[in-house]
């Protein structure tokens, strides 16, 4: 596994992964545009990806404006190998290094992602259409 910073050239692979997931699917795939990826990778945050034998298998994007995880997705056939955990750690470590006192994210309730964040030690918030999670900086 090779983890590295994501670049603008990686956007097609990131989009392919985002559209390949079995849970947390987009009702309208055009909701997440190339321009949105560009904004978060180049101006509003930073992203990382995992490659295995030249294939991009997962990615995470940390957002600066609200100290959040904007995206964390792994191709279904690569789930359970620690890719999501490592990507999440890269993104949260970066946001904490940038001074974030806490990091937030949201996901669909009762999904693998919901269970994943709880297992990673995030505080689960109120549940509605989305469930909110919060991770406070350890001192």
Protein backbone atom coordinates (compact mmCIF):
# COMPACT_ATOMS: atom_id res chain seq x y z
CA UNK A 1 0.00 0.00 0.00
CA UNK A 2 1.25 3.43 -0.94
CA UNK A 3 -0.32 6.52 0.66
CA UNK A 4 0.32 9.93 -0.86
CA UNK A 5 -1.17 13.38 -1.28
CA UNK A 6 -3.93 13.56 -3.86
CA UNK A 7 -3.55 16.01 -6.74
CA UNK A 8 -5.85 17.53 -9.31
CA UNK A 9 -4.77 14.77 -11.73
CA UNK A 10 -6.26 12.18 -9.35
CA UNK A 11 -9.81 13.59 -9.48
CA UNK A 12 -11.12 11.07 -12.06
CA UNK A 13 -9.95 8.17 -9.85
CA UNK A 14 -11.42 9.79 -6.73
CA UNK A 15 -14.74 10.30 -8.46
CA UNK A 16 -14.73 6.70 -9.69
CA UNK A 17 -14.24 5.48 -6.11
CA UNK A 18 -16.95 7.80 -4.75
CA UNK A 19 -19.43 6.44 -7.29
CA UNK A 20 -18.45 2.79 -6.69
CA UNK A 21 -19.42 2.57 -3.02
CA UNK A 22 -22.33 0.36 -2.00
CA UNK A 23 -23.46 2.52 0.96
CA UNK A 24 -23.69 6.29 1.26
CA UNK A 25 -24.46 6.44 -2.44
CA UNK A 26 -25.33 9.69 -4.14
CA UNK A 27 -28.93 10.01 -5.27
CA UNK A 28 -27.60 12.21 -8.07
CA UNK A 29 -23.97 11.55 -9.11
CA UNK A 30 -23.66 15.08 -10.50
CA UNK A 31 -23.99 16.49 -6.95
CA UNK A 32 -20.21 16.12 -6.46
CA UNK A 33 -18.58 17.92 -9.38
CA UNK A 34 -14.99 18.07 -10.57
CA UNK A 35 -14.99 21.70 -9.46
CA UNK A 36 -15.86 20.63 -5.91
CA UNK A 37 -12.95 18.19 -5.82
CA UNK A 38 -10.67 20.94 -7.16
CA UNK A 39 -11.84 23.40 -4.49
CA UNK A 40 -11.20 20.97 -1.64
CA UNK A 41 -7.89 19.65 -2.97
CA UNK A 42 -6.43 23.00 -4.02
CA UNK A 43 -8.01 25.67 -1.81
CA UNK A 44 -10.29 24.45 0.97
CA UNK A 45 -8.39 21.40 2.18
CA UNK A 46 -6.03 18.60 1.42
CA UNK A 47 -6.51 15.02 0.28
CA UNK A 48 -4.71 11.70 0.44
CA UNK A 49 -5.13 8.49 -1.46
CA UNK A 50 -4.05 4.88 -1.28
CA UNK A 51 -2.62 3.00 -4.24
CA UNK A 52 -2.13 -0.73 -4.49
CA UNK A 53 -0.21 -1.98 -7.51
CA UNK A 54 -0.91 1.28 -9.33
CA UNK A 55 -4.66 1.30 -8.64
CA UNK A 56 -6.20 4.04 -6.52
CA UNK A 57 -8.20 2.15 -3.90
CA UNK A 58 -9.35 4.84 -1.46
CA UNK A 59 -9.13 8.50 -0.56
CA UNK A 60 -9.82 11.02 2.17
CA UNK A 61 -10.21 14.79 1.99
CA UNK A 62 -9.87 17.08 5.00
CA UNK A 63 -11.70 20.43 4.81
CA UNK A 64 -10.17 23.52 6.40
CA UNK A 65 -13.13 25.91 6.68
CA UNK A 66 -15.10 23.81 9.17
CA UNK A 67 -12.41 21.32 10.31
CA UNK A 68 -14.22 18.37 8.84
CA UNK A 69 -13.68 15.22 6.86
CA UNK A 70 -15.30 16.07 3.54
CA UNK A 71 -14.80 12.59 2.09
CA UNK A 72 -13.49 9.16 3.05
CA UNK A 73 -14.17 6.32 0.62
CA UNK A 74 -12.60 2.95 -0.15
CA UNK A 75 -13.42 0.70 -3.09
CA UNK A 76 -15.69 -2.09 -1.80
CA UNK A 77 -13.28 -4.84 -2.85
CA UNK A 78 -10.52 -3.25 -0.70
CA UNK A 79 -12.55 -2.72 2.48
CA UNK A 80 -11.29 -4.32 5.67
CA UNK A 81 -7.58 -3.91 4.88
CA UNK A 82 -6.89 -0.83 7.04
CA UNK A 83 -6.97 1.63 4.16
CA UNK A 84 -9.81 3.71 5.61
CA UNK A 85 -8.18 3.84 9.03
CA UNK A 86 -4.86 5.05 7.62
CA UNK A 87 -6.53 7.64 5.39
CA UNK A 88 -8.63 8.90 8.29
CA UNK A 89 -5.52 9.19 10.47
CA UNK A 90 -3.68 11.17 7.78
CA UNK A 91 -6.61 13.59 7.44
CA UNK A 92 -7.26 14.04 11.18
CA UNK A 93 -3.56 14.39 12.03
CA UNK A 94 -3.27 17.09 9.39
CA UNK A 95 -6.30 19.04 10.65
CA UNK A 96 -5.07 18.86 14.25
CA UNK A 97 -1.62 20.03 13.10
CA UNK A 98 -3.37 22.99 11.44
CA UNK A 99 -4.87 23.92 14.83
CA UNK A 100 -8.32 22.33 14.71
CA UNK A 101 -9.60 21.81 18.27
CA UNK A 102 -12.05 19.20 17.01
CA UNK A 103 -13.02 17.56 13.74
CA UNK A 104 -16.49 16.71 12.53
CA UNK A 105 -18.08 14.60 9.86
CA UNK A 106 -21.43 13.11 9.03
CA UNK A 107 -22.55 9.86 7.48
CA UNK A 108 -25.64 7.79 6.87
CA UNK A 109 -26.89 6.04 10.02
CA UNK A 110 -26.68 2.26 10.42
CA UNK A 111 -24.02 1.79 7.74
CA UNK A 112 -20.51 0.35 7.79
CA UNK A 113 -19.22 3.93 7.89
CA UNK A 114 -21.37 4.66 10.95
CA UNK A 115 -19.90 1.64 12.76
CA UNK A 116 -16.38 2.45 11.50
CA UNK A 117 -16.30 5.95 13.01
CA UNK A 118 -17.69 4.67 16.32
CA UNK A 119 -14.96 1.98 16.39
CA UNK A 120 -12.33 4.65 15.69
CA UNK A 121 -13.32 6.48 18.88
CA UNK A 122 -15.38 9.31 17.40
CA UNK A 123 -18.28 10.65 19.49
CA UNK A 124 -21.59 9.83 17.84
CA UNK A 125 -24.10 12.68 17.86
CA UNK A 126 -27.77 12.99 17.06
CA UNK A 127 -29.20 10.80 14.36
CA UNK A 128 -31.55 12.01 11.68
CA UNK A 129 -31.12 11.65 7.95
CA UNK A 130 -27.40 11.86 8.76
CA UNK A 131 -25.52 11.08 11.95
CA UNK A 132 -22.91 13.56 13.16
CA UNK A 133 -19.56 12.54 14.58
CA UNK A 134 -17.00 14.57 16.50
CA UNK A 135 -13.36 13.87 17.33
CA UNK A 136 -11.73 16.15 19.90
CA UNK A 137 -8.05 16.85 19.90
CA UNK A 138 -6.30 14.91 22.65
CA UNK A 139 -4.08 17.03 24.80
